[in-house]
Amino acid sequence: MKHLRSVVPVFMILLGLAASSRAQDPSAQYLQAGNTFYSQKSYDQAIRYYQAAAQMNANSWQAYQGLGGCYYAKGDNSNALVNYQKSLDINPNNPQVSQFVQYLKSQSTAPPLPSGDNGETASGGSSGGEANPGSKPGKKFEFDVDLGLMAYGGQVGFGGGVGGFFFLGKSFAIGALADFYTVSQSASASGDGISENASASVDFLDFAAAAKFRFGKGKVKPYVFAGFGVSDVIQSASGSSSDAGGSSSGSASTSAIDPMLLAGGGVQFQAGPSMDIFVQIKEEVVIVPGTSETVDTGEGTETVTSDVGTANYTALEGGLGF
């Protein structure tokens, strides 16, 4: 991205220089100096000479285009838009600048309007620039991957997941999540010639549809999310015992797919043009409907439901969004 910020504006500025030289513009020497400093990435110096060229010749669209390139290379999109627009007002037959003006406007809900002064706060000289004027004005799809720690039943486990969201606007998105978390514990005892070992684990394999809402428009954006889906809760246990007479072992495992709800929130940090870093906390509640069986009470039969309730865990997660 940084490479394009430099190469495309330089190319366009050099085109502007050629045009100004052919016309024998009295501001050409200042334009030339601005181009030289721009090619050396000395943007502040280039801005001074482009401004001088614009003062000498108010119709120098090349000078305003050069200013636009400088400010855009410095990351000042607001001033870049002002000066690109001035260049386009003077020379409307510049499709690259026109496309880039539209691109910059799409990045701001309230882009600055070009003023009628000499453009002290000018921006970038090249039009198509590194941002690809024809590219998408904003990210419409986000793919997330995360790792985390979870707390369940007084135990700490670990896991992670993936997710994908389609943005229906700048703030609201819908998508899907998939997570896997596991928590385990073990115990052992020995005495009187007997040795015993036991271990147990609980695994959560979750799939959910979710919605996400982001707050703010800067590089740091808080957000909240919520969803519903199903969770496959897998419980496993194993044990072994040994003594002078020999040894024995056994294991058991159960699996149940139950409905679940989740909700959480976090903060998203922009780490690059197409990548974010996020930290979030999530609470998941698995709704356990229980199991029913028919028992004989002696006076007839009765349906008894047991193990009704919820199983919930809290996860602290960190990850990357693309």
C-alpha atoms as a PDB file:
ATOM      1  CA  MET A   1       0.000   0.000   0.000  1.00  0.00           C
ATOM      2  CA  LYS A   2       2.808   2.433   0.919  1.00  0.00           C
ATOM      3  CA  HIS A   3       4.522   1.650  -2.361  1.00  0.00           C
ATOM      4  CA  LEU A   4       1.448   2.585  -4.364  1.00  0.00           C
ATOM      5  CA  ARG A   5       1.032   5.773  -2.353  1.00  0.00           C
ATOM      6  CA  SER A   6       4.373   6.878  -3.778  1.00  0.00           C
ATOM      7  CA  VAL A   7       4.458   5.447  -7.285  1.00  0.00           C
ATOM      8  CA  VAL A   8       1.064   6.396  -8.700  1.00  0.00           C
ATOM      9  CA  PRO A   9       1.069  10.012  -7.452  1.00  0.00           C
ATOM     10  CA  VAL A  10       4.628  10.497  -8.798  1.00  0.00           C
ATOM     11  CA  PHE A  11       3.560   9.264 -12.219  1.00  0.00           C
ATOM     12  CA  MET A  12       0.598  11.617 -12.329  1.00  0.00           C
ATOM     13  CA  ILE A  13       2.610  14.587 -11.079  1.00  0.00           C
ATOM     14  CA  LEU A  14       5.203  14.048 -13.807  1.00  0.00           C
ATOM     15  CA  LEU A  15       2.416  14.072 -16.376  1.00  0.00           C
ATOM     16  CA  GLY A  16       1.286  17.375 -14.926  1.00  0.00           C
ATOM     17  CA  LEU A  17       4.812  18.745 -15.216  1.00  0.00           C
ATOM     18  CA  ALA A  18       5.031  17.811 -18.859  1.00  0.00           C
ATOM     19  CA  ALA A  19       1.776  19.595 -19.596  1.00  0.00           C
ATOM     20  CA  SER A  20       2.862  22.714 -17.727  1.00  0.00           C
ATOM     21  CA  SER A  21       6.216  22.829 -19.498  1.00  0.00           C
ATOM     22  CA  ARG A  22       4.585  22.709 -22.914  1.00  0.00           C
ATOM     23  CA  ALA A  23       2.403  25.634 -21.970  1.00  0.00           C
ATOM     24  CA  GLN A  24       5.442  27.629 -20.666  1.00  0.00           C
ATOM     25  CA  ASP A  25       3.663  28.258 -17.374  1.00  0.00           C
ATOM     26  CA  PRO A  26       5.548  30.913 -15.321  1.00  0.00           C
ATOM     27  CA  SER A  27       5.049  28.705 -12.258  1.00  0.00           C
ATOM     28  CA  ALA A  28       6.750  25.745 -13.943  1.00  0.00           C
ATOM     29  CA  GLN A  29       9.984  26.080 -11.968  1.00  0.00           C
ATOM     30  CA  TYR A  30       8.078  25.837  -8.694  1.00  0.00           C
ATOM     31  CA  LEU A  31       6.098  22.914 -10.034  1.00  0.00           C
ATOM     32  CA  GLN A  32       9.364  21.234 -11.042  1.00  0.00           C
ATOM     33  CA  ALA A  33      10.811  21.764  -7.565  1.00  0.00           C
ATOM     34  CA  GLY A  34       7.659  20.339  -6.003  1.00  0.00           C
ATOM     35  CA  ASN A  35       7.897  17.265  -8.209  1.00  0.00           C
ATOM     36  CA  THR A  36      11.541  16.777  -7.242  1.00  0.00           C
ATOM     37  CA  PHE A  37      10.836  16.935  -3.521  1.00  0.00           C
ATOM     38  CA  TYR A  38       7.793  14.676  -3.970  1.00  0.00           C
ATOM     39  CA  SER A  39       9.874  12.020  -5.714  1.00  0.00           C
ATOM     40  CA  GLN A  40      12.260  12.182  -2.740  1.00  0.00           C
ATOM     41  CA  LYS A  41       9.279  11.743  -0.361  1.00  0.00           C
ATOM     42  CA  SER A  42      10.005  15.156   1.186  1.00  0.00           C
ATOM     43  CA  TYR A  43       6.298  15.958   1.241  1.00  0.00           C
ATOM     44  CA  ASP A  44       6.408  19.035   3.464  1.00  0.00           C
ATOM     45  CA  GLN A  45       8.977  20.679   1.189  1.00  0.00           C
ATOM     46  CA  ALA A  46       6.997  19.679  -1.896  1.00  0.00           C
ATOM     47  CA  ILE A  47       3.857  21.253  -0.418  1.00  0.00           C
ATOM     48  CA  ARG A  48       5.637  24.616  -0.060  1.00  0.00           C
ATOM     49  CA  TYR A  49       6.622  24.675  -3.742  1.00  0.00           C
ATOM     50  CA  TYR A  50       3.251  23.442  -4.996  1.00  0.00           C
ATOM     51  CA  GLN A  51       1.564  26.192  -2.966  1.00  0.00           C
ATOM     52  CA  ALA A  52       3.944  28.753  -4.477  1.00  0.00           C
ATOM     53  CA  ALA A  53       3.094  27.474  -7.963  1.00  0.00           C
ATOM     54  CA  ALA A  54      -0.631  27.767  -7.199  1.00  0.00           C
ATOM     55  CA  GLN A  55      -0.151  31.345  -5.960  1.00  0.00           C
ATOM     56  CA  MET A  56       1.678  32.330  -9.140  1.00  0.00           C
ATOM     57  CA  ASN A  57      -0.889  30.636 -11.371  1.00  0.00           C
ATOM     58  CA  ALA A  58      -4.333  30.126  -9.886  1.00  0.00           C
ATOM     59  CA  ASN A  59      -5.255  27.933 -12.869  1.00  0.00           C
ATOM     60  CA  SER A  60      -2.421  25.468 -12.321  1.00  0.00           C
ATOM     61  CA  TRP A  61      -4.401  22.258 -11.891  1.00  0.00           C
ATOM     62  CA  GLN A  62      -1.061  20.416 -11.790  1.00  0.00           C
ATOM     63  CA  ALA A  63      -0.067  22.295  -8.617  1.00  0.00           C
ATOM     64  CA  TYR A  64      -3.307  21.374  -6.846  1.00  0.00           C
ATOM     65  CA  GLN A  65      -2.960  17.808  -8.024  1.00  0.00           C
ATOM     66  CA  GLY A  66       0.573  17.760  -6.613  1.00  0.00           C
ATOM     67  CA  LEU A  67      -0.688  19.131  -3.306  1.00  0.00           C
ATOM     68  CA  GLY A  68      -3.329  16.431  -3.230  1.00  0.00           C
ATOM     69  CA  GLY A  69      -0.677  13.760  -3.750  1.00  0.00           C
ATOM     70  CA  CYS A  70       1.474  15.097  -0.914  1.00  0.00           C
ATOM     71  CA  TYR A  71      -1.341  15.192   1.610  1.00  0.00           C
ATOM     72  CA  TYR A  72      -2.610  11.800   0.565  1.00  0.00           C
ATOM     73  CA  ALA A  73       0.881  10.318   0.990  1.00  0.00           C
ATOM     74  CA  LYS A  74       0.945  11.867   4.482  1.00  0.00           C
ATOM     75  CA  GLY A  75      -2.377  10.177   5.301  1.00  0.00           C
ATOM     76  CA  ASP A  76      -4.377  13.435   5.307  1.00  0.00           C
ATOM     77  CA  ASN A  77      -7.328  12.368   3.154  1.00  0.00           C
ATOM     78  CA  SER A  78      -9.375  15.439   4.074  1.00  0.00           C
ATOM     79  CA  ASN A  79      -6.869  17.926   2.635  1.00  0.00           C
ATOM     80  CA  ALA A  80      -6.158  15.559  -0.236  1.00  0.00           C
ATOM     81  CA  LEU A  81      -9.812  15.701  -1.252  1.00  0.00           C
ATOM     82  CA  VAL A  82      -9.874  19.523  -1.084  1.00  0.00           C
ATOM     83  CA  ASN A  83      -6.970  19.899  -3.473  1.00  0.00           C
ATOM     84  CA  TYR A  84      -7.920  17.103  -5.830  1.00  0.00           C
ATOM     85  CA  GLN A  85     -11.303  18.781  -6.148  1.00  0.00           C
ATOM     86  CA  LYS A  86      -9.657  22.120  -6.956  1.00  0.00           C
ATOM     87  CA  SER A  87      -7.562  20.457  -9.639  1.00  0.00           C
ATOM     88  CA  LEU A  88     -10.680  18.839 -11.069  1.00  0.00           C
ATOM     89  CA  ASP A  89     -12.589  22.156 -11.047  1.00  0.00           C
ATOM     90  CA  ILE A  90      -9.862  23.710 -13.190  1.00  0.00           C
ATOM     91  CA  ASN A  91      -9.361  20.689 -15.438  1.00  0.00           C
ATOM     92  CA  PRO A  92     -12.541  18.559 -15.452  1.00  0.00           C
ATOM     93  CA  ASN A  93     -11.205  16.356 -18.279  1.00  0.00           C
ATOM     94  CA  ASN A  94      -9.122  14.247 -15.930  1.00  0.00           C
ATOM     95  CA  PRO A  95     -10.902  10.912 -15.367  1.00  0.00           C
ATOM     96  CA  GLN A  96      -8.296   9.591 -12.940  1.00  0.00           C
ATOM     97  CA  VAL A  97      -8.633  12.572 -10.634  1.00  0.00           C
ATOM     98  CA  SER A  98     -12.409  12.403 -10.969  1.00  0.00           C
ATOM     99  CA  GLN A  99     -12.455   8.740  -9.908  1.00  0.00           C
ATOM    100  CA  PHE A 100     -10.154   9.381  -6.993  1.00  0.00           C
ATOM    101  CA  VAL A 101     -12.254  12.323  -5.784  1.00  0.00           C
ATOM    102  CA  GLN A 102     -15.263  10.003  -5.705  1.00  0.00           C
ATOM    103  CA  TYR A 103     -13.221   7.409  -3.838  1.00  0.00           C
ATOM    104  CA  LEU A 104     -12.135   9.895  -1.163  1.00  0.00           C
ATOM    105  CA  LYS A 105     -15.680  11.189  -0.762  1.00  0.00           C
ATOM    106  CA  SER A 106     -16.870   7.654  -0.147  1.00  0.00           C
ATOM    107  CA  GLN A 107     -14.420   7.347   2.772  1.00  0.00           C
ATOM    108  CA  SER A 108     -16.021  10.175   4.728  1.00  0.00           C
ATOM    109  CA  THR A 109     -19.597  10.861   5.719  1.00  0.00           C
ATOM    110  CA  ALA A 110     -18.899  14.577   5.452  1.00  0.00           C
ATOM    111  CA  PRO A 111     -15.999  15.264   3.074  1.00  0.00           C
ATOM    112  CA  PRO A 112     -14.624  18.829   3.120  1.00  0.00           C
ATOM    113  CA  LEU A 113     -15.776  21.046   0.285  1.00  0.00           C
ATOM    114  CA  PRO A 114     -13.141  22.733  -1.888  1.00  0.00           C
ATOM    115  CA  SER A 115     -12.602  26.355  -0.893  1.00  0.00           C
ATOM    116  CA  GLY A 116     -12.006  29.293  -3.174  1.00  0.00           C
ATOM    117  CA  ASP A 117      -8.670  30.341  -1.636  1.00  0.00           C
ATOM    118  CA  ASN A 118      -5.201  29.506  -2.816  1.00  0.00           C
ATOM    119  CA  GLY A 119      -5.320  26.017  -1.242  1.00  0.00           C
ATOM    120  CA  GLU A 120      -2.960  26.364   1.706  1.00  0.00           C
ATOM    121  CA  THR A 121      -4.189  23.025   2.988  1.00  0.00           C
ATOM    122  CA  ALA A 122      -3.753  21.174  -0.220  1.00  0.00           C
ATOM    123  CA  SER A 123      -3.422  17.506  -0.714  1.00  0.00           C
ATOM    124  CA  GLY A 124      -2.167  14.839  -2.999  1.00  0.00           C
ATOM    125  CA  GLY A 125      -1.037  15.492  -6.512  1.00  0.00           C
ATOM    126  CA  SER A 126      -1.873  12.289  -8.266  1.00  0.00           C
ATOM    127  CA  SER A 127      -5.288  11.137  -8.927  1.00  0.00           C
ATOM    128  CA  GLY A 128      -5.564   7.408  -9.200  1.00  0.00           C
ATOM    129  CA  GLY A 129      -3.133   7.097  -6.358  1.00  0.00           C
ATOM    130  CA  GLU A 130      -2.485   4.041  -4.389  1.00  0.00           C
ATOM    131  CA  ALA A 131      -5.989   3.672  -3.190  1.00  0.00           C
ATOM    132  CA  ASN A 132      -7.383   2.426  -6.486  1.00  0.00           C
ATOM    133  CA  PRO A 133     -10.244   4.851  -7.138  1.00  0.00           C
ATOM    134  CA  GLY A 134     -12.308   2.091  -8.657  1.00  0.00           C
ATOM    135  CA  SER A 135     -11.970  -0.169  -5.642  1.00  0.00           C
ATOM    136  CA  LYS A 136     -14.572  -0.777  -2.960  1.00  0.00           C
ATOM    137  CA  PRO A 137     -15.276   2.247  -0.738  1.00  0.00           C
ATOM    138  CA  GLY A 138     -15.270   0.060   2.352  1.00  0.00           C
ATOM    139  CA  LYS A 139     -14.928  -3.484   3.581  1.00  0.00           C
ATOM    140  CA  LYS A 140     -18.187  -5.371   3.076  1.00  0.00           C
ATOM    141  CA  PHE A 141     -17.089  -8.753   4.432  1.00  0.00           C
ATOM    142  CA  GLU A 142     -15.041  -9.510   7.511  1.00  0.00           C
ATOM    143  CA  PHE A 143     -13.415 -12.834   8.359  1.00  0.00           C
ATOM    144  CA  ASP A 144     -12.362 -13.319  11.990  1.00  0.00           C
ATOM    145  CA  VAL A 145     -10.127 -15.890  13.656  1.00  0.00           C
ATOM    146  CA  ASP A 146      -9.496 -15.974  17.397  1.00  0.00           C
ATOM    147  CA  LEU A 147      -8.010 -17.884  20.336  1.00  0.00           C
ATOM    148  CA  GLY A 148      -9.168 -17.665  23.914  1.00  0.00           C
ATOM    149  CA  LEU A 149      -9.419 -18.890  27.482  1.00  0.00           C
ATOM    150  CA  MET A 150     -12.711 -20.031  28.976  1.00  0.00           C
ATOM    151  CA  ALA A 151     -14.038 -20.452  32.512  1.00  0.00           C
ATOM    152  CA  TYR A 152     -16.492 -23.299  33.127  1.00  0.00           C
ATOM    153  CA  GLY A 153     -17.514 -24.924  36.390  1.00  0.00           C
ATOM    154  CA  GLY A 154     -14.609 -23.437  38.287  1.00  0.00           C
ATOM    155  CA  GLN A 155     -12.137 -24.787  35.711  1.00  0.00           C
ATOM    156  CA  VAL A 156     -10.127 -22.978  33.042  1.00  0.00           C
ATOM    157  CA  GLY A 157     -10.068 -24.290  29.485  1.00  0.00           C
ATOM    158  CA  PHE A 158      -8.934 -23.060  26.110  1.00  0.00           C
ATOM    159  CA  GLY A 159     -10.082 -22.974  22.501  1.00  0.00           C
ATOM    160  CA  GLY A 160     -10.844 -20.649  19.632  1.00  0.00           C
ATOM    161  CA  GLY A 161     -12.997 -20.130  16.606  1.00  0.00           C
ATOM    162  CA  VAL A 162     -13.728 -18.456  13.312  1.00  0.00           C
ATOM    163  CA  GLY A 163     -16.465 -16.154  12.082  1.00  0.00           C
ATOM    164  CA  GLY A 164     -17.654 -14.280   9.043  1.00  0.00           C
ATOM    165  CA  PHE A 165     -19.791 -11.132   8.833  1.00  0.00           C
ATOM    166  CA  PHE A 166     -21.444  -9.282   5.946  1.00  0.00           C
ATOM    167  CA  PHE A 167     -21.837  -5.562   6.633  1.00  0.00           C
ATOM    168  CA  LEU A 168     -25.218  -4.184   5.653  1.00  0.00           C
ATOM    169  CA  GLY A 169     -23.983  -0.677   6.424  1.00  0.00           C
ATOM    170  CA  LYS A 170     -20.991   0.958   8.066  1.00  0.00           C
ATOM    171  CA  SER A 171     -21.898  -0.372  11.510  1.00  0.00           C
ATOM    172  CA  PHE A 172     -24.302  -3.329  11.337  1.00  0.00           C
ATOM    173  CA  ALA A 173     -23.379  -6.819  10.138  1.00  0.00           C
ATOM    174  CA  ILE A 174     -24.834 -10.313  10.146  1.00  0.00           C
ATOM    175  CA  GLY A 175     -22.928 -13.567   9.903  1.00  0.00           C
ATOM    176  CA  ALA A 176     -22.031 -16.869  11.522  1.00  0.00           C
ATOM    177  CA  LEU A 177     -19.637 -18.147  14.189  1.00  0.00           C
ATOM    178  CA  ALA A 178     -18.050 -21.514  14.943  1.00  0.00           C
ATOM    179  CA  ASP A 179     -16.144 -22.202  18.178  1.00  0.00           C
ATOM    180  CA  PHE A 180     -14.505 -25.088  19.974  1.00  0.00           C
ATOM    181  CA  TYR A 181     -13.605 -25.009  23.670  1.00  0.00           C
ATOM    182  CA  THR A 182     -12.441 -27.753  25.991  1.00  0.00           C
ATOM    183  CA  VAL A 183     -11.879 -28.015  29.728  1.00  0.00           C
ATOM    184  CA  SER A 184     -10.421 -31.019  31.516  1.00  0.00           C
ATOM    185  CA  GLN A 185      -9.280 -32.175  34.913  1.00  0.00           C
ATOM    186  CA  SER A 186      -7.544 -35.234  36.352  1.00  0.00           C
ATOM    187  CA  ALA A 187      -6.889 -36.795  39.728  1.00  0.00           C
ATOM    188  CA  SER A 188      -4.853 -39.642  41.125  1.00  0.00           C
ATOM    189  CA  ALA A 189      -4.511 -41.389  44.455  1.00  0.00           C
ATOM    190  CA  SER A 190      -2.502 -44.253  45.903  1.00  0.00           C
ATOM    191  CA  GLY A 191      -2.261 -46.119  49.164  1.00  0.00           C
ATOM    192  CA  ASP A 192      -2.298 -49.596  50.649  1.00  0.00           C
ATOM    193  CA  GLY A 193      -0.832 -50.921  47.426  1.00  0.00           C
ATOM    194  CA  ILE A 194      -3.643 -49.516  45.310  1.00  0.00           C
ATOM    195  CA  SER A 195      -3.138 -46.843  42.647  1.00  0.00           C
ATOM    196  CA  GLU A 196      -6.072 -45.035  41.010  1.00  0.00           C
ATOM    197  CA  ASN A 197      -6.197 -42.455  38.212  1.00  0.00           C
ATOM    198  CA  ALA A 198      -9.189 -40.605  36.788  1.00  0.00           C
ATOM    199  CA  SER A 199      -9.712 -37.861  34.202  1.00  0.00           C
ATOM    200  CA  ALA A 200     -12.702 -36.066  32.749  1.00  0.00           C
ATOM    201  CA  SER A 201     -13.282 -33.446  30.048  1.00  0.00           C
ATOM    202  CA  VAL A 202     -16.102 -31.349  28.663  1.00  0.00           C
ATOM    203  CA  ASP A 203     -15.958 -30.105  25.063  1.00  0.00           C
ATOM    204  CA  PHE A 204     -18.173 -27.459  23.476  1.00  0.00           C
ATOM    205  CA  LEU A 205     -18.526 -27.435  19.673  1.00  0.00           C
ATOM    206  CA  ASP A 206     -20.678 -24.418  18.787  1.00  0.00           C
ATOM    207  CA  PHE A 207     -22.348 -23.105  15.635  1.00  0.00           C
ATOM    208  CA  ALA A 208     -24.354 -19.881  15.681  1.00  0.00           C
ATOM    209  CA  ALA A 209     -25.925 -17.194  13.537  1.00  0.00           C
ATOM    210  CA  ALA A 210     -24.966 -13.786  14.894  1.00  0.00           C
ATOM    211  CA  ALA A 211     -25.324 -10.041  14.470  1.00  0.00           C
ATOM    212  CA  LYS A 212     -22.660  -7.425  15.187  1.00  0.00           C
ATOM    213  CA  PHE A 213     -22.867  -3.669  15.725  1.00  0.00           C
ATOM    214  CA  ARG A 214     -19.808  -1.401  15.757  1.00  0.00           C
ATOM    215  CA  PHE A 215     -19.610   2.023  17.388  1.00  0.00           C
ATOM    216  CA  GLY A 216     -17.408   4.853  16.177  1.00  0.00           C
ATOM    217  CA  LYS A 217     -15.635   5.554  12.901  1.00  0.00           C
ATOM    218  CA  GLY A 218     -11.988   5.846  13.890  1.00  0.00           C
ATOM    219  CA  LYS A 219      -9.215   3.306  14.177  1.00  0.00           C
ATOM    220  CA  VAL A 220     -10.552   2.105  17.541  1.00  0.00           C
ATOM    221  CA  LYS A 221     -14.113   0.791  17.374  1.00  0.00           C
ATOM    222  CA  PRO A 222     -16.012  -0.815  20.277  1.00  0.00           C
ATOM    223  CA  TYR A 223     -18.664  -3.345  19.286  1.00  0.00           C
ATOM    224  CA  VAL A 224     -21.292  -5.718  20.645  1.00  0.00           C
ATOM    225  CA  PHE A 225     -22.610  -8.973  19.225  1.00  0.00           C
ATOM    226  CA  ALA A 226     -25.249 -11.603  19.951  1.00  0.00           C
ATOM    227  CA  GLY A 227     -26.476 -14.797  18.378  1.00  0.00           C
ATOM    228  CA  PHE A 228     -28.179 -18.156  18.705  1.00  0.00           C
ATOM    229  CA  GLY A 229     -27.468 -21.653  17.466  1.00  0.00           C
ATOM    230  CA  VAL A 230     -26.608 -25.139  18.690  1.00  0.00           C
ATOM    231  CA  SER A 231     -23.878 -26.585  20.855  1.00  0.00           C
ATOM    232  CA  ASP A 232     -22.631 -30.150  20.866  1.00  0.00           C
ATOM    233  CA  VAL A 233     -21.571 -30.773  24.472  1.00  0.00           C
ATOM    234  CA  ILE A 234     -19.312 -33.817  24.699  1.00  0.00           C
ATOM    235  CA  GLN A 235     -18.527 -35.213  28.159  1.00  0.00           C
ATOM    236  CA  SER A 236     -15.847 -37.868  28.560  1.00  0.00           C
ATOM    237  CA  ALA A 237     -14.448 -39.671  31.570  1.00  0.00           C
ATOM    238  CA  SER A 238     -11.906 -42.426  32.061  1.00  0.00           C
ATOM    239  CA  GLY A 239     -10.305 -44.165  35.013  1.00  0.00           C
ATOM    240  CA  SER A 240      -7.902 -46.906  35.906  1.00  0.00           C
ATOM    241  CA  SER A 241      -6.999 -48.828  39.016  1.00  0.00           C
ATOM    242  CA  SER A 242      -4.188 -51.206  39.797  1.00  0.00           C
ATOM    243  CA  ASP A 243      -3.084 -53.299  42.760  1.00  0.00           C
ATOM    244  CA  ALA A 244      -1.069 -56.376  43.438  1.00  0.00           C
ATOM    245  CA  GLY A 245      -3.798 -58.510  41.917  1.00  0.00           C
ATOM    246  CA  GLY A 246      -3.841 -56.733  38.554  1.00  0.00           C
ATOM    247  CA  SER A 247      -5.319 -53.637  36.951  1.00  0.00           C
ATOM    248  CA  SER A 248      -8.577 -52.472  35.409  1.00  0.00           C
ATOM    249  CA  SER A 249      -9.731 -49.447  33.429  1.00  0.00           C
ATOM    250  CA  GLY A 250     -12.862 -48.012  31.905  1.00  0.00           C
ATOM    251  CA  SER A 251     -14.186 -44.998  30.045  1.00  0.00           C
ATOM    252  CA  ALA A 252     -17.485 -43.390  29.118  1.00  0.00           C
ATOM    253  CA  SER A 253     -18.575 -40.606  26.812  1.00  0.00           C
ATOM    254  CA  THR A 254     -21.834 -38.795  26.128  1.00  0.00           C
ATOM    255  CA  SER A 255     -22.782 -36.231  23.510  1.00  0.00           C
ATOM    256  CA  ALA A 256     -25.832 -33.982  23.336  1.00  0.00           C
ATOM    257  CA  ILE A 257     -26.728 -31.258  20.848  1.00  0.00           C
ATOM    258  CA  ASP A 258     -28.730 -28.509  22.550  1.00  0.00           C
ATOM    259  CA  PRO A 259     -29.817 -24.961  21.671  1.00  0.00           C
ATOM    260  CA  MET A 260     -27.638 -22.121  22.904  1.00  0.00           C
ATOM    261  CA  LEU A 261     -27.488 -18.334  23.131  1.00  0.00           C
ATOM    262  CA  LEU A 262     -24.409 -16.115  23.120  1.00  0.00           C
ATOM    263  CA  ALA A 263     -23.641 -12.450  23.633  1.00  0.00           C
ATOM    264  CA  GLY A 264     -20.577 -10.330  24.120  1.00  0.00           C
ATOM    265  CA  GLY A 265     -18.618  -7.245  23.236  1.00  0.00           C
ATOM    266  CA  GLY A 266     -15.134  -6.027  22.533  1.00  0.00           C
ATOM    267  CA  VAL A 267     -12.857  -3.460  20.954  1.00  0.00           C
ATOM    268  CA  GLN A 268     -11.471  -3.534  17.423  1.00  0.00           C
ATOM    269  CA  PHE A 269      -8.173  -1.822  16.524  1.00  0.00           C
ATOM    270  CA  GLN A 270      -7.191  -1.034  12.930  1.00  0.00           C
ATOM    271  CA  ALA A 271      -3.787  -2.598  12.271  1.00  0.00           C
ATOM    272  CA  GLY A 272      -3.583  -1.998   8.515  1.00  0.00           C
ATOM    273  CA  PRO A 273      -5.637  -1.262   5.410  1.00  0.00           C
ATOM    274  CA  SER A 274      -7.218  -4.736   5.488  1.00  0.00           C
ATOM    275  CA  MET A 275      -6.547  -6.125   8.976  1.00  0.00           C
ATOM    276  CA  ASP A 276      -7.871  -5.461  12.474  1.00  0.00           C
ATOM    277  CA  ILE A 277      -6.880  -6.725  15.920  1.00  0.00           C
ATOM    278  CA  PHE A 278      -9.684  -7.343  18.399  1.00  0.00           C
ATOM    279  CA  VAL A 279     -10.173  -8.331  22.026  1.00  0.00           C
ATOM    280  CA  GLN A 280     -13.576  -9.497  23.218  1.00  0.00           C
ATOM    281  CA  ILE A 281     -15.431 -11.234  26.018  1.00  0.00           C
ATOM    282  CA  LYS A 282     -18.196 -13.712  25.278  1.00  0.00           C
ATOM    283  CA  GLU A 283     -20.837 -15.426  27.404  1.00  0.00           C
ATOM    284  CA  GLU A 284     -22.502 -18.581  26.107  1.00  0.00           C
ATOM    285  CA  VAL A 285     -25.514 -20.315  27.643  1.00  0.00           C
ATOM    286  CA  VAL A 286     -26.422 -23.849  26.538  1.00  0.00           C
ATOM    287  CA  ILE A 287     -30.065 -24.679  27.253  1.00  0.00           C
ATOM    288  CA  VAL A 288     -30.316 -28.285  28.445  1.00  0.00           C
ATOM    289  CA  PRO A 289     -33.893 -29.590  28.030  1.00  0.00           C
ATOM    290  CA  GLY A 290     -33.102 -32.701  30.070  1.00  0.00           C
ATOM    291  CA  THR A 291     -33.972 -36.317  29.473  1.00  0.00           C
ATOM    292  CA  SER A 292     -37.339 -37.935  29.982  1.00  0.00           C
ATOM    293  CA  GLU A 293     -38.098 -41.487  30.957  1.00  0.00           C
ATOM    294  CA  THR A 294     -41.179 -43.425  31.987  1.00  0.00           C
ATOM    295  CA  VAL A 295     -41.081 -45.046  35.418  1.00  0.00           C
ATOM    296  CA  ASP A 296     -43.445 -47.416  37.146  1.00  0.00           C
ATOM    297  CA  THR A 297     -44.666 -45.889  40.404  1.00  0.00           C
ATOM    298  CA  GLY A 298     -46.592 -48.995  41.499  1.00  0.00           C
ATOM    299  CA  GLU A 299     -49.837 -47.204  40.881  1.00  0.00           C
ATOM    300  CA  GLY A 300     -49.196 -46.636  37.227  1.00  0.00           C
ATOM    301  CA  THR A 301     -46.535 -45.047  35.028  1.00  0.00           C
ATOM    302  CA  GLU A 302     -45.159 -41.545  35.199  1.00  0.00           C
ATOM    303  CA  THR A 303     -42.866 -39.547  32.902  1.00  0.00           C
ATOM    304  CA  VAL A 304     -39.952 -38.036  34.775  1.00  0.00           C
ATOM    305  CA  THR A 305     -37.631 -35.395  33.307  1.00  0.00           C
ATOM    306  CA  SER A 306     -34.183 -34.973  34.783  1.00  0.00           C
ATOM    307  CA  ASP A 307     -31.035 -32.935  34.186  1.00  0.00           C
ATOM    308  CA  VAL A 308     -32.986 -29.823  33.127  1.00  0.00           C
ATOM    309  CA  GLY A 309     -31.010 -26.590  33.285  1.00  0.00           C
ATOM    310  CA  THR A 310     -28.255 -24.647  31.584  1.00  0.00           C
ATOM    311  CA  ALA A 311     -24.534 -24.989  31.013  1.00  0.00           C
ATOM    312  CA  ASN A 312     -22.697 -21.740  30.493  1.00  0.00           C
ATOM    313  CA  TYR A 313     -19.122 -20.607  30.047  1.00  0.00           C
ATOM    314  CA  THR A 314     -17.327 -17.281  29.722  1.00  0.00           C
ATOM    315  CA  ALA A 315     -14.508 -16.807  27.207  1.00  0.00           C
ATOM    316  CA  LEU A 316     -11.902 -14.073  26.837  1.00  0.00           C
ATOM    317  CA  GLU A 317     -10.741 -14.007  23.228  1.00  0.00           C
ATOM    318  CA  GLY A 318      -8.262 -12.167  21.061  1.00  0.00           C
ATOM    319  CA  GLY A 319      -7.818 -12.406  17.326  1.00  0.00           C
ATOM    320  CA  LEU A 320      -7.486 -10.924  13.874  1.00  0.00           C
ATOM    321  CA  GLY A 321     -10.107  -9.663  11.423  1.00  0.00           C
ATOM    322  CA  PHE A 322      -9.505  -9.539   7.669  1.00  0.00           C
END
